[in-house]
N, C-alpha and C. Protein backbone atom coordinates (compact mmCIF):
# COMPACT_ATOMS: atom_id res chain seq x y z
N MET A 1 51.38 42.84 -45.12
CA MET A 1 50.24 43.20 -45.96
C MET A 1 49.11 43.66 -45.06
N ARG A 2 48.49 44.77 -45.41
CA ARG A 2 47.39 45.29 -44.62
C ARG A 2 46.07 44.77 -45.14
N TYR A 3 45.24 44.41 -44.20
CA TYR A 3 43.88 44.00 -44.57
C TYR A 3 42.93 45.12 -44.17
N PRO A 4 41.94 45.37 -45.00
CA PRO A 4 41.02 46.46 -44.64
C PRO A 4 40.23 46.10 -43.40
N ARG A 5 40.00 47.07 -42.55
CA ARG A 5 39.20 46.84 -41.35
C ARG A 5 37.78 46.52 -41.76
N PRO A 6 37.14 45.56 -41.07
CA PRO A 6 35.77 45.23 -41.43
C PRO A 6 34.84 46.39 -41.14
N THR A 7 33.97 46.62 -42.08
CA THR A 7 32.97 47.67 -41.92
C THR A 7 31.69 47.05 -41.42
N ALA A 8 30.68 47.89 -41.18
CA ALA A 8 29.38 47.38 -40.73
C ALA A 8 28.80 46.45 -41.75
N LEU A 9 29.04 46.77 -43.05
CA LEU A 9 28.49 45.93 -44.11
C LEU A 9 29.18 44.58 -44.18
N THR A 10 30.52 44.58 -44.00
CA THR A 10 31.24 43.31 -44.08
C THR A 10 31.01 42.47 -42.84
N ARG A 11 30.69 43.10 -41.68
CA ARG A 11 30.43 42.34 -40.47
C ARG A 11 29.03 41.73 -40.46
N ARG A 12 28.10 42.33 -41.22
CA ARG A 12 26.70 41.93 -41.12
C ARG A 12 26.48 40.45 -41.46
N PRO A 13 27.08 39.88 -42.54
CA PRO A 13 26.86 38.45 -42.82
C PRO A 13 27.28 37.56 -41.66
N ALA A 14 28.41 37.90 -41.04
CA ALA A 14 28.87 37.07 -39.93
C ALA A 14 27.92 37.16 -38.75
N VAL A 15 27.41 38.38 -38.50
CA VAL A 15 26.47 38.56 -37.40
C VAL A 15 25.19 37.80 -37.66
N LEU A 16 24.71 37.90 -38.93
CA LEU A 16 23.49 37.20 -39.28
C LEU A 16 23.66 35.70 -39.16
N LEU A 17 24.82 35.19 -39.61
CA LEU A 17 25.08 33.75 -39.52
C LEU A 17 25.11 33.30 -38.07
N GLY A 18 25.75 34.10 -37.22
CA GLY A 18 25.80 33.75 -35.81
C GLY A 18 24.42 33.76 -35.19
N SER A 19 23.60 34.73 -35.57
CA SER A 19 22.24 34.80 -35.03
C SER A 19 21.41 33.62 -35.46
N LEU A 20 21.57 33.25 -36.76
CA LEU A 20 20.82 32.10 -37.25
C LEU A 20 21.23 30.83 -36.54
N THR A 21 22.53 30.67 -36.32
CA THR A 21 23.04 29.47 -35.64
C THR A 21 22.50 29.40 -34.22
N LEU A 22 22.55 30.54 -33.51
CA LEU A 22 22.05 30.58 -32.14
C LEU A 22 20.56 30.30 -32.10
N GLY A 23 19.82 30.89 -33.05
CA GLY A 23 18.38 30.67 -33.09
C GLY A 23 18.03 29.22 -33.34
N LEU A 24 18.78 28.57 -34.25
CA LEU A 24 18.54 27.16 -34.54
C LEU A 24 18.82 26.30 -33.31
N THR A 25 19.91 26.63 -32.62
CA THR A 25 20.27 25.87 -31.41
C THR A 25 19.18 25.99 -30.35
N LEU A 26 18.69 27.23 -30.13
CA LEU A 26 17.64 27.43 -29.13
C LEU A 26 16.36 26.73 -29.51
N THR A 27 16.05 26.74 -30.82
CA THR A 27 14.83 26.08 -31.28
C THR A 27 14.90 24.59 -31.03
N LEU A 28 16.05 23.98 -31.39
CA LEU A 28 16.21 22.54 -31.18
C LEU A 28 16.15 22.20 -29.70
N THR A 29 16.78 23.06 -28.88
CA THR A 29 16.76 22.82 -27.43
C THR A 29 15.34 22.90 -26.89
N ALA A 30 14.60 23.91 -27.36
CA ALA A 30 13.22 24.05 -26.90
C ALA A 30 12.38 22.87 -27.31
N CYS A 31 12.59 22.40 -28.54
CA CYS A 31 11.84 21.23 -29.00
C CYS A 31 12.15 20.02 -28.15
N GLY A 32 13.43 19.90 -27.78
CA GLY A 32 13.82 18.76 -26.95
C GLY A 32 13.16 18.82 -25.60
N ASN A 33 13.03 20.05 -25.05
CA ASN A 33 12.42 20.20 -23.73
C ASN A 33 10.92 19.98 -23.77
N ASP A 34 10.33 20.06 -24.98
CA ASP A 34 8.89 19.86 -25.10
C ASP A 34 8.50 18.40 -25.05
N GLU A 35 9.49 17.49 -25.11
CA GLU A 35 9.17 16.07 -25.07
C GLU A 35 8.57 15.73 -23.71
N PRO A 36 7.52 14.95 -23.68
CA PRO A 36 6.88 14.63 -22.39
C PRO A 36 7.81 13.84 -21.49
N ALA A 37 7.72 14.12 -20.20
CA ALA A 37 8.52 13.36 -19.22
C ALA A 37 8.04 11.93 -19.17
N ALA A 38 8.94 11.07 -18.74
CA ALA A 38 8.58 9.65 -18.64
C ALA A 38 7.40 9.47 -17.70
N ASP A 39 6.43 8.72 -18.14
CA ASP A 39 5.20 8.51 -17.36
C ASP A 39 5.21 7.10 -16.79
N ASN A 40 5.32 7.02 -15.45
CA ASN A 40 5.38 5.70 -14.82
C ASN A 40 4.11 4.90 -15.05
N SER A 41 3.00 5.61 -15.27
CA SER A 41 1.74 4.90 -15.45
C SER A 41 1.75 4.08 -16.73
N ALA A 42 2.66 4.42 -17.67
CA ALA A 42 2.72 3.66 -18.92
C ALA A 42 3.20 2.24 -18.66
N GLN A 43 3.84 2.02 -17.52
CA GLN A 43 4.36 0.70 -17.20
C GLN A 43 3.32 -0.18 -16.51
N VAL A 44 2.21 0.41 -16.12
CA VAL A 44 1.16 -0.36 -15.47
C VAL A 44 0.58 -1.35 -16.46
N SER A 45 0.31 -2.57 -15.98
CA SER A 45 -0.13 -3.64 -16.88
C SER A 45 -1.28 -4.42 -16.27
N GLU A 46 -2.14 -4.92 -17.15
CA GLU A 46 -3.24 -5.79 -16.72
C GLU A 46 -2.77 -7.23 -16.55
N THR A 47 -1.57 -7.53 -17.05
CA THR A 47 -1.09 -8.92 -17.01
C THR A 47 0.27 -9.07 -16.33
N ASP A 48 1.18 -8.12 -16.54
CA ASP A 48 2.52 -8.24 -15.98
C ASP A 48 2.55 -7.73 -14.53
N HIS A 49 3.52 -8.24 -13.78
CA HIS A 49 3.67 -7.80 -12.40
C HIS A 49 5.15 -7.61 -12.09
N ASN A 50 5.44 -6.95 -10.97
CA ASN A 50 6.82 -6.75 -10.54
C ASN A 50 6.98 -7.20 -9.10
N ASP A 51 8.18 -7.00 -8.57
CA ASP A 51 8.48 -7.44 -7.20
C ASP A 51 7.60 -6.74 -6.17
N ALA A 52 7.26 -5.48 -6.44
CA ALA A 52 6.41 -4.75 -5.49
C ALA A 52 5.03 -5.39 -5.39
N ASP A 53 4.51 -5.88 -6.51
CA ASP A 53 3.21 -6.55 -6.49
C ASP A 53 3.26 -7.82 -5.64
N VAL A 54 4.34 -8.59 -5.80
CA VAL A 54 4.49 -9.83 -5.03
C VAL A 54 4.60 -9.51 -3.55
N ALA A 55 5.42 -8.52 -3.21
CA ALA A 55 5.60 -8.15 -1.80
C ALA A 55 4.29 -7.65 -1.20
N PHE A 56 3.56 -6.87 -1.96
CA PHE A 56 2.28 -6.34 -1.47
C PHE A 56 1.31 -7.47 -1.16
N ALA A 57 1.14 -8.39 -2.11
CA ALA A 57 0.20 -9.49 -1.91
C ALA A 57 0.63 -10.37 -0.74
N THR A 58 1.92 -10.68 -0.67
CA THR A 58 2.44 -11.55 0.38
C THR A 58 2.23 -10.93 1.76
N ASP A 59 2.61 -9.67 1.89
CA ASP A 59 2.50 -9.00 3.19
C ASP A 59 1.06 -8.69 3.57
N MET A 60 0.27 -8.27 2.59
CA MET A 60 -1.10 -7.88 2.92
C MET A 60 -1.96 -9.08 3.29
N ILE A 61 -1.65 -10.25 2.73
CA ILE A 61 -2.36 -11.47 3.15
C ILE A 61 -2.16 -11.68 4.65
N GLN A 62 -0.92 -11.56 5.11
CA GLN A 62 -0.63 -11.76 6.53
C GLN A 62 -1.25 -10.63 7.37
N HIS A 63 -1.19 -9.42 6.84
CA HIS A 63 -1.74 -8.27 7.56
C HIS A 63 -3.26 -8.42 7.72
N HIS A 64 -3.94 -8.77 6.62
CA HIS A 64 -5.39 -8.98 6.68
C HIS A 64 -5.74 -10.14 7.63
N ALA A 65 -4.94 -11.19 7.58
CA ALA A 65 -5.22 -12.36 8.41
C ALA A 65 -5.18 -12.00 9.89
N GLN A 66 -4.24 -11.12 10.26
CA GLN A 66 -4.20 -10.71 11.66
C GLN A 66 -5.43 -9.89 12.02
N ALA A 67 -5.88 -9.05 11.10
CA ALA A 67 -7.10 -8.29 11.35
C ALA A 67 -8.29 -9.22 11.56
N LEU A 68 -8.37 -10.28 10.75
CA LEU A 68 -9.47 -11.24 10.90
C LEU A 68 -9.36 -12.00 12.21
N SER A 69 -8.13 -12.26 12.66
CA SER A 69 -7.95 -12.90 13.97
C SER A 69 -8.42 -11.98 15.09
N MET A 70 -8.21 -10.68 14.91
CA MET A 70 -8.72 -9.72 15.88
C MET A 70 -10.25 -9.70 15.86
N VAL A 71 -10.82 -9.83 14.68
CA VAL A 71 -12.28 -9.92 14.58
C VAL A 71 -12.78 -11.18 15.27
N ASP A 72 -12.05 -12.29 15.12
CA ASP A 72 -12.44 -13.54 15.77
C ASP A 72 -12.55 -13.37 17.28
N LEU A 73 -11.70 -12.50 17.84
CA LEU A 73 -11.72 -12.29 19.29
C LEU A 73 -12.99 -11.60 19.77
N THR A 74 -13.74 -11.00 18.86
CA THR A 74 -14.97 -10.32 19.28
C THR A 74 -16.12 -11.29 19.52
N VAL A 75 -15.97 -12.53 19.06
CA VAL A 75 -17.03 -13.53 19.25
C VAL A 75 -17.23 -13.76 20.76
N ASP A 76 -18.48 -13.78 21.18
CA ASP A 76 -18.86 -14.00 22.58
C ASP A 76 -18.45 -12.85 23.50
N ARG A 77 -18.05 -11.72 22.91
CA ARG A 77 -17.77 -10.53 23.71
C ARG A 77 -18.99 -9.61 23.69
N THR A 78 -19.16 -8.87 24.77
CA THR A 78 -20.24 -7.88 24.83
C THR A 78 -19.74 -6.57 24.23
N LEU A 79 -20.28 -6.23 23.05
CA LEU A 79 -19.83 -5.05 22.33
C LEU A 79 -21.02 -4.16 21.99
N ASP A 80 -20.75 -2.88 21.78
CA ASP A 80 -21.78 -2.00 21.25
C ASP A 80 -22.16 -2.49 19.86
N PRO A 81 -23.42 -2.33 19.47
CA PRO A 81 -23.86 -2.81 18.15
C PRO A 81 -23.03 -2.23 17.00
N GLU A 82 -22.62 -0.96 17.12
CA GLU A 82 -21.84 -0.34 16.05
C GLU A 82 -20.47 -1.00 15.91
N VAL A 83 -19.88 -1.40 17.03
CA VAL A 83 -18.58 -2.07 16.98
C VAL A 83 -18.72 -3.47 16.40
N GLN A 84 -19.78 -4.17 16.79
CA GLN A 84 -20.01 -5.50 16.25
C GLN A 84 -20.24 -5.44 14.74
N GLN A 85 -20.98 -4.45 14.30
CA GLN A 85 -21.23 -4.29 12.87
C GLN A 85 -19.92 -4.00 12.12
N LEU A 86 -19.08 -3.15 12.71
CA LEU A 86 -17.79 -2.85 12.09
C LEU A 86 -16.93 -4.10 11.96
N ALA A 87 -16.91 -4.92 13.01
CA ALA A 87 -16.13 -6.16 12.96
C ALA A 87 -16.61 -7.06 11.83
N GLU A 88 -17.91 -7.13 11.64
CA GLU A 88 -18.46 -7.96 10.57
C GLU A 88 -18.10 -7.39 9.20
N GLU A 89 -18.09 -6.06 9.08
CA GLU A 89 -17.73 -5.43 7.81
C GLU A 89 -16.26 -5.69 7.48
N ILE A 90 -15.40 -5.67 8.49
CA ILE A 90 -13.98 -5.96 8.27
C ILE A 90 -13.82 -7.39 7.78
N ARG A 91 -14.55 -8.32 8.40
CA ARG A 91 -14.49 -9.72 7.96
C ARG A 91 -14.97 -9.87 6.51
N ASP A 92 -16.07 -9.22 6.20
CA ASP A 92 -16.65 -9.35 4.87
C ASP A 92 -15.75 -8.76 3.78
N ALA A 93 -15.00 -7.71 4.12
CA ALA A 93 -14.14 -7.05 3.13
C ALA A 93 -12.80 -7.76 2.97
N GLN A 94 -12.18 -8.12 4.09
CA GLN A 94 -10.80 -8.60 4.02
C GLN A 94 -10.68 -10.08 3.70
N GLY A 95 -11.70 -10.87 4.04
CA GLY A 95 -11.66 -12.28 3.69
C GLY A 95 -11.55 -12.50 2.19
N PRO A 96 -12.44 -11.92 1.38
CA PRO A 96 -12.33 -12.07 -0.08
C PRO A 96 -11.04 -11.48 -0.64
N GLU A 97 -10.53 -10.41 -0.04
CA GLU A 97 -9.28 -9.83 -0.53
C GLU A 97 -8.12 -10.79 -0.32
N ILE A 98 -8.11 -11.52 0.78
CA ILE A 98 -7.08 -12.54 0.99
C ILE A 98 -7.15 -13.60 -0.10
N GLU A 99 -8.35 -14.04 -0.44
CA GLU A 99 -8.51 -15.04 -1.48
C GLU A 99 -8.02 -14.52 -2.82
N THR A 100 -8.33 -13.27 -3.13
CA THR A 100 -7.89 -12.68 -4.40
C THR A 100 -6.37 -12.61 -4.47
N MET A 101 -5.73 -12.13 -3.42
CA MET A 101 -4.27 -12.01 -3.42
C MET A 101 -3.59 -13.37 -3.44
N SER A 102 -4.20 -14.35 -2.79
CA SER A 102 -3.66 -15.71 -2.84
C SER A 102 -3.71 -16.26 -4.26
N ASP A 103 -4.78 -15.97 -4.98
CA ASP A 103 -4.89 -16.40 -6.37
C ASP A 103 -3.80 -15.77 -7.23
N TRP A 104 -3.51 -14.50 -6.98
CA TRP A 104 -2.44 -13.85 -7.74
C TRP A 104 -1.11 -14.55 -7.51
N LEU A 105 -0.78 -14.80 -6.26
CA LEU A 105 0.50 -15.44 -5.95
C LEU A 105 0.59 -16.81 -6.61
N GLN A 106 -0.49 -17.54 -6.60
CA GLN A 106 -0.51 -18.85 -7.24
C GLN A 106 -0.28 -18.71 -8.75
N GLU A 107 -0.91 -17.74 -9.37
CA GLU A 107 -0.73 -17.51 -10.81
C GLU A 107 0.71 -17.12 -11.12
N TRP A 108 1.36 -16.43 -10.20
CA TRP A 108 2.73 -15.97 -10.42
C TRP A 108 3.77 -16.99 -9.96
N ASP A 109 3.32 -18.18 -9.56
CA ASP A 109 4.22 -19.22 -9.05
C ASP A 109 5.01 -18.74 -7.83
N GLU A 110 4.36 -17.96 -6.99
CA GLU A 110 4.96 -17.48 -5.75
C GLU A 110 4.32 -18.20 -4.57
N GLU A 111 5.07 -18.27 -3.48
CA GLU A 111 4.58 -18.97 -2.28
C GLU A 111 3.48 -18.16 -1.60
N ILE A 112 2.41 -18.84 -1.23
CA ILE A 112 1.35 -18.21 -0.45
C ILE A 112 1.73 -18.32 1.02
N PRO A 113 1.84 -17.21 1.74
CA PRO A 113 2.34 -17.28 3.11
C PRO A 113 1.35 -17.92 4.07
N ALA A 114 1.91 -18.64 5.04
CA ALA A 114 1.08 -19.13 6.15
C ALA A 114 0.77 -17.96 7.06
N THR A 115 -0.39 -17.99 7.69
CA THR A 115 -0.79 -16.89 8.56
C THR A 115 -1.21 -17.44 9.92
N MET A 116 -1.31 -16.53 10.89
CA MET A 116 -1.73 -16.94 12.22
C MET A 116 -3.15 -17.48 12.20
N ARG A 117 -3.95 -17.02 11.24
CA ARG A 117 -5.34 -17.48 11.18
C ARG A 117 -5.42 -18.91 10.65
N ASP A 118 -4.44 -19.33 9.86
CA ASP A 118 -4.42 -20.72 9.41
C ASP A 118 -4.36 -21.66 10.61
N HIS A 119 -3.53 -21.30 11.58
CA HIS A 119 -3.41 -22.12 12.79
C HIS A 119 -4.70 -22.09 13.60
N SER A 120 -5.31 -20.91 13.69
CA SER A 120 -6.55 -20.79 14.45
C SER A 120 -7.66 -21.62 13.82
N ASN A 121 -7.80 -21.54 12.49
CA ASN A 121 -8.86 -22.28 11.80
C ASN A 121 -8.62 -23.77 11.81
N ALA A 122 -7.34 -24.16 12.01
CA ALA A 122 -7.02 -25.58 12.07
C ALA A 122 -7.32 -26.18 13.43
N GLY A 123 -7.74 -25.31 14.36
CA GLY A 123 -8.13 -25.81 15.67
C GLY A 123 -7.05 -25.73 16.72
N HIS A 124 -5.94 -25.04 16.39
CA HIS A 124 -4.87 -24.88 17.37
C HIS A 124 -5.21 -23.75 18.33
N GLY A 125 -4.62 -23.78 19.46
CA GLY A 125 -4.90 -22.77 20.47
C GLY A 125 -4.05 -21.54 20.29
N SER A 126 -4.17 -20.63 21.26
CA SER A 126 -3.46 -19.36 21.17
C SER A 126 -1.95 -19.54 21.30
N ASP A 127 -1.49 -20.63 21.93
CA ASP A 127 -0.05 -20.83 22.06
C ASP A 127 0.59 -21.00 20.70
N THR A 128 0.03 -21.89 19.87
CA THR A 128 0.60 -22.08 18.54
C THR A 128 0.32 -20.88 17.66
N MET A 129 -0.75 -20.14 17.95
CA MET A 129 -1.01 -18.92 17.20
C MET A 129 0.10 -17.92 17.44
N GLY A 130 0.55 -17.83 18.67
CA GLY A 130 1.65 -16.93 18.98
C GLY A 130 2.92 -17.35 18.27
N ASP A 131 3.17 -18.67 18.21
CA ASP A 131 4.34 -19.16 17.49
C ASP A 131 4.28 -18.78 16.02
N SER A 132 3.10 -18.86 15.42
CA SER A 132 2.96 -18.54 14.00
C SER A 132 3.21 -17.06 13.75
N MET A 133 2.88 -16.21 14.72
CA MET A 133 3.12 -14.78 14.56
C MET A 133 4.60 -14.48 14.50
N GLU A 134 5.40 -15.30 15.16
CA GLU A 134 6.83 -15.07 15.16
C GLU A 134 7.42 -15.20 13.76
N GLY A 135 6.79 -16.01 12.91
CA GLY A 135 7.30 -16.21 11.57
C GLY A 135 6.86 -15.16 10.58
N MET A 136 6.01 -14.24 11.01
CA MET A 136 5.51 -13.22 10.10
C MET A 136 6.46 -12.04 10.06
N ASN A 137 6.29 -11.22 9.03
CA ASN A 137 7.11 -10.03 8.85
C ASN A 137 6.71 -8.98 9.88
N SER A 138 7.50 -8.87 10.93
CA SER A 138 7.17 -7.93 12.01
C SER A 138 7.42 -6.49 11.61
N ASP A 139 8.08 -6.28 10.45
CA ASP A 139 8.35 -4.92 10.00
C ASP A 139 7.14 -4.29 9.32
N MET A 140 6.10 -5.06 9.08
CA MET A 140 4.92 -4.50 8.44
C MET A 140 4.27 -3.46 9.35
N PRO A 141 3.91 -2.31 8.80
CA PRO A 141 3.30 -1.27 9.64
C PRO A 141 2.00 -1.75 10.27
N GLY A 142 1.84 -1.43 11.55
CA GLY A 142 0.58 -1.70 12.24
C GLY A 142 0.41 -3.11 12.76
N MET A 143 1.36 -4.01 12.49
CA MET A 143 1.21 -5.39 12.94
C MET A 143 1.37 -5.48 14.46
N MET A 144 0.48 -6.25 15.08
CA MET A 144 0.54 -6.47 16.52
C MET A 144 1.61 -7.50 16.84
N SER A 145 2.24 -7.33 17.97
CA SER A 145 3.17 -8.34 18.47
C SER A 145 2.38 -9.45 19.15
N THR A 146 3.07 -10.55 19.44
CA THR A 146 2.43 -11.64 20.17
C THR A 146 1.91 -11.16 21.52
N GLY A 147 2.71 -10.31 22.19
CA GLY A 147 2.29 -9.78 23.48
C GLY A 147 1.04 -8.92 23.38
N ASP A 148 0.97 -8.10 22.33
CA ASP A 148 -0.21 -7.26 22.12
C ASP A 148 -1.45 -8.11 21.92
N PHE A 149 -1.31 -9.15 21.10
CA PHE A 149 -2.45 -10.00 20.80
C PHE A 149 -2.92 -10.73 22.06
N ASP A 150 -1.96 -11.23 22.83
CA ASP A 150 -2.32 -11.93 24.07
C ASP A 150 -3.02 -11.00 25.05
N GLU A 151 -2.53 -9.76 25.11
CA GLU A 151 -3.14 -8.78 26.01
C GLU A 151 -4.59 -8.50 25.61
N LEU A 152 -4.82 -8.38 24.31
CA LEU A 152 -6.18 -8.14 23.83
C LEU A 152 -7.07 -9.35 24.10
N GLU A 153 -6.54 -10.53 23.84
CA GLU A 153 -7.33 -11.75 24.03
C GLU A 153 -7.73 -11.94 25.48
N ASN A 154 -6.86 -11.53 26.39
CA ASN A 154 -7.11 -11.75 27.82
C ASN A 154 -7.71 -10.54 28.52
N ALA A 155 -8.05 -9.51 27.77
CA ALA A 155 -8.61 -8.30 28.38
C ALA A 155 -9.98 -8.58 28.98
N SER A 156 -10.30 -7.86 30.01
CA SER A 156 -11.63 -7.98 30.63
C SER A 156 -12.68 -7.43 29.67
N ASP A 157 -13.91 -7.82 29.89
CA ASP A 157 -15.00 -7.31 29.05
C ASP A 157 -15.09 -5.79 29.12
N ALA A 158 -14.77 -5.24 30.28
CA ALA A 158 -14.85 -3.79 30.45
C ALA A 158 -13.81 -3.06 29.61
N ASP A 159 -12.65 -3.70 29.40
CA ASP A 159 -11.55 -3.05 28.68
C ASP A 159 -11.46 -3.47 27.21
N PHE A 160 -12.07 -4.58 26.87
CA PHE A 160 -11.83 -5.19 25.56
C PHE A 160 -12.20 -4.25 24.40
N GLN A 161 -13.38 -3.68 24.44
CA GLN A 161 -13.84 -2.90 23.29
C GLN A 161 -12.92 -1.72 22.99
N THR A 162 -12.53 -0.99 24.02
CA THR A 162 -11.64 0.16 23.81
C THR A 162 -10.29 -0.29 23.28
N MET A 163 -9.74 -1.36 23.86
CA MET A 163 -8.45 -1.87 23.39
C MET A 163 -8.55 -2.33 21.94
N TRP A 164 -9.63 -3.01 21.62
CA TRP A 164 -9.81 -3.54 20.27
C TRP A 164 -9.87 -2.40 19.25
N LEU A 165 -10.61 -1.36 19.56
CA LEU A 165 -10.71 -0.22 18.65
C LEU A 165 -9.36 0.48 18.48
N GLU A 166 -8.66 0.68 19.57
CA GLU A 166 -7.36 1.37 19.50
C GLU A 166 -6.36 0.56 18.68
N MET A 167 -6.33 -0.75 18.91
CA MET A 167 -5.39 -1.60 18.18
C MET A 167 -5.78 -1.73 16.71
N MET A 168 -7.08 -1.77 16.44
CA MET A 168 -7.53 -1.89 15.05
C MET A 168 -7.26 -0.60 14.28
N ILE A 169 -7.36 0.53 14.93
CA ILE A 169 -7.01 1.79 14.28
C ILE A 169 -5.55 1.77 13.84
N GLU A 170 -4.67 1.38 14.76
CA GLU A 170 -3.25 1.30 14.43
C GLU A 170 -3.00 0.29 13.30
N HIS A 171 -3.71 -0.83 13.36
CA HIS A 171 -3.56 -1.86 12.34
C HIS A 171 -4.02 -1.32 10.98
N HIS A 172 -5.14 -0.63 10.95
CA HIS A 172 -5.65 -0.05 9.71
C HIS A 172 -4.68 1.00 9.15
N GLU A 173 -4.13 1.82 10.02
CA GLU A 173 -3.19 2.85 9.56
C GLU A 173 -1.99 2.21 8.87
N GLY A 174 -1.54 1.07 9.40
CA GLY A 174 -0.45 0.35 8.76
C GLY A 174 -0.84 -0.18 7.40
N ALA A 175 -2.06 -0.71 7.29
CA ALA A 175 -2.53 -1.24 6.01
C ALA A 175 -2.64 -0.13 4.97
N VAL A 176 -3.10 1.04 5.37
CA VAL A 176 -3.20 2.17 4.45
C VAL A 176 -1.81 2.56 3.95
N GLU A 177 -0.84 2.58 4.84
CA GLU A 177 0.53 2.91 4.44
C GLU A 177 1.07 1.90 3.42
N MET A 178 0.85 0.62 3.67
CA MET A 178 1.30 -0.42 2.74
C MET A 178 0.60 -0.29 1.39
N ALA A 179 -0.68 0.01 1.42
CA ALA A 179 -1.44 0.14 0.17
C ALA A 179 -0.98 1.35 -0.63
N GLN A 180 -0.65 2.43 0.04
CA GLN A 180 -0.15 3.61 -0.67
C GLN A 180 1.20 3.33 -1.32
N ASP A 181 2.04 2.55 -0.66
CA ASP A 181 3.31 2.14 -1.27
C ASP A 181 3.05 1.33 -2.54
N GLN A 182 2.06 0.46 -2.50
CA GLN A 182 1.72 -0.34 -3.67
C GLN A 182 1.23 0.55 -4.81
N GLN A 183 0.45 1.55 -4.49
CA GLN A 183 -0.02 2.48 -5.52
C GLN A 183 1.15 3.18 -6.21
N ASP A 184 2.21 3.45 -5.45
CA ASP A 184 3.38 4.14 -6.01
C ASP A 184 4.29 3.20 -6.79
N ASP A 185 4.46 1.97 -6.30
CA ASP A 185 5.50 1.09 -6.82
C ASP A 185 5.00 -0.09 -7.65
N GLY A 186 3.73 -0.42 -7.54
CA GLY A 186 3.22 -1.62 -8.21
C GLY A 186 3.09 -1.45 -9.71
N GLN A 187 3.01 -2.58 -10.40
CA GLN A 187 2.84 -2.61 -11.85
C GLN A 187 1.52 -3.26 -12.26
N TYR A 188 1.08 -4.25 -11.49
CA TYR A 188 -0.11 -5.03 -11.85
C TYR A 188 -1.36 -4.23 -11.50
N GLN A 189 -2.12 -3.85 -12.51
CA GLN A 189 -3.25 -2.95 -12.30
C GLN A 189 -4.27 -3.47 -11.30
N PRO A 190 -4.67 -4.75 -11.35
CA PRO A 190 -5.63 -5.23 -10.35
C PRO A 190 -5.12 -5.07 -8.91
N ALA A 191 -3.81 -5.25 -8.70
CA ALA A 191 -3.25 -5.07 -7.36
C ALA A 191 -3.25 -3.61 -6.95
N ILE A 192 -2.99 -2.73 -7.91
CA ILE A 192 -3.04 -1.29 -7.63
C ILE A 192 -4.48 -0.88 -7.30
N ASP A 193 -5.43 -1.45 -8.03
CA ASP A 193 -6.84 -1.15 -7.76
C ASP A 193 -7.25 -1.64 -6.37
N LEU A 194 -6.81 -2.84 -6.00
CA LEU A 194 -7.14 -3.37 -4.68
C LEU A 194 -6.52 -2.48 -3.60
N ALA A 195 -5.29 -2.02 -3.84
CA ALA A 195 -4.65 -1.12 -2.88
C ALA A 195 -5.48 0.15 -2.70
N GLY A 196 -6.03 0.66 -3.79
CA GLY A 196 -6.90 1.83 -3.69
C GLY A 196 -8.14 1.56 -2.86
N ASP A 197 -8.69 0.36 -3.02
CA ASP A 197 -9.86 -0.02 -2.21
C ASP A 197 -9.49 -0.07 -0.73
N VAL A 198 -8.30 -0.61 -0.44
CA VAL A 198 -7.85 -0.69 0.96
C VAL A 198 -7.72 0.72 1.55
N VAL A 199 -7.11 1.62 0.80
CA VAL A 199 -6.95 2.99 1.28
C VAL A 199 -8.31 3.62 1.58
N ASP A 200 -9.23 3.51 0.63
CA ASP A 200 -10.54 4.15 0.80
C ASP A 200 -11.34 3.52 1.95
N THR A 201 -11.43 2.18 1.94
CA THR A 201 -12.25 1.49 2.93
C THR A 201 -11.70 1.65 4.34
N GLN A 202 -10.41 1.40 4.49
CA GLN A 202 -9.85 1.42 5.84
C GLN A 202 -9.68 2.83 6.38
N SER A 203 -9.49 3.81 5.51
CA SER A 203 -9.46 5.20 5.98
C SER A 203 -10.82 5.59 6.54
N ALA A 204 -11.88 5.17 5.86
CA ALA A 204 -13.24 5.45 6.36
C ALA A 204 -13.50 4.73 7.67
N GLU A 205 -13.01 3.49 7.78
CA GLU A 205 -13.20 2.73 9.02
C GLU A 205 -12.42 3.34 10.18
N ILE A 206 -11.26 3.91 9.88
CA ILE A 206 -10.49 4.59 10.92
C ILE A 206 -11.31 5.75 11.49
N GLN A 207 -11.92 6.52 10.62
CA GLN A 207 -12.75 7.64 11.08
C GLN A 207 -13.92 7.14 11.93
N THR A 208 -14.52 6.04 11.51
CA THR A 208 -15.62 5.47 12.28
C THR A 208 -15.16 5.06 13.67
N MET A 209 -14.02 4.38 13.74
CA MET A 209 -13.51 3.91 15.03
C MET A 209 -13.11 5.07 15.93
N GLU A 210 -12.54 6.11 15.35
CA GLU A 210 -12.19 7.28 16.16
C GLU A 210 -13.44 7.94 16.73
N THR A 211 -14.50 7.94 15.94
CA THR A 211 -15.77 8.48 16.43
C THR A 211 -16.32 7.62 17.57
N LEU A 212 -16.22 6.30 17.40
CA LEU A 212 -16.71 5.39 18.45
C LEU A 212 -15.92 5.55 19.74
N LEU A 213 -14.65 5.89 19.61
CA LEU A 213 -13.82 6.10 20.80
C LEU A 213 -14.05 7.49 21.40
N GLY A 214 -14.72 8.35 20.65
CA GLY A 214 -14.93 9.71 21.13
C GLY A 214 -13.73 10.59 20.92
N SER A 215 -12.86 10.20 19.95
CA SER A 215 -11.65 10.99 19.69
C SER A 215 -12.00 12.30 18.99
């Protein structure tokens, strides 16, 4: 049996149907692509926290404590007034931040880490201070080794200020790196805000110290 060949008129409904189907598919696809991408900021919370927040608070407490121990070494040293003022500003900024982060860990039922400054404030000498440094996370960026700290502590007055500035710059650069990681990975908004303060404050202090060194 012969079937008549399709003419332009008989083909038109099929063509129109195919066009409509394709158009509908493209429209639905376009609508799907218009959906907003997942926004990580939606997970930020004023009350909830994640592992990154705990790690940040735990590590930064130890990192700040070492900076304060470096500030302690400036006592009874002959320093330029600008360097002495900077040391005092570091103490004034990082001391309260340690207290804030310790409060967070306590609220989260997490352990508050022991620091080298705990030993110093308890009246122990540099020997036990060195032992306490061994228990800290040495992988933290910018952290001084026991040998570095001893070298700074025993430096002559002529060498101390330059060494202190150079080591504090490296220490600050490490803190900025840690804080930027917290900004990327943290969930607890107050911790993210504190990380932003660390980035801003310590970046400015790095510039000040580089100027003092004549870099």
